[in-house]
Amino acid sequence: LLYLMDNDTSYIVTGPHCIQTLIDLWKITKALRLRFERKRMFGRTWIVGISRRTATASELETNRLDVQATKWMSYALYPLGVAYAVYSLMYHVHRGWYSWLLSTMTGYLYAFGFVMMTPQ
């Protein structure tokens, strides 16, 4: 979202991305199985705690294998990420350090999104 705003993208593009960011935050709470504990005080509902549901044995085994696969992919992609940052700094034109940082982080997100999909 910051990358789009830095590149002066129109509101027609950034608007849906703002909505998508909110949807993704909701999905994260569902994927992590978070439960928000609410209490009614002073006429309002307040979130007073967050708890997490425990995983089953098969989920624990799957998580262990996912961690192992991600670890091995990370060994290859961390050096490539650093190389990409240096390459971007040397060969691409940026308006400033902030622009370079955002574009590099966007590249990292694409690369590590690939890593996180590997176990699937």
Foldseek 3Di string as FASTA:
>chain_A
DVLCVVVVHDCVVVVVVVVVVVVVVVVVCVVQQKDFDWDQDPNDIDGDDIDGDDDDPVVVVLVVVLVVQLVVLCVVVVVVLVVVLVCCVPPPDAPDPVNSVVVSVVVVCVSVVVSSPVSD
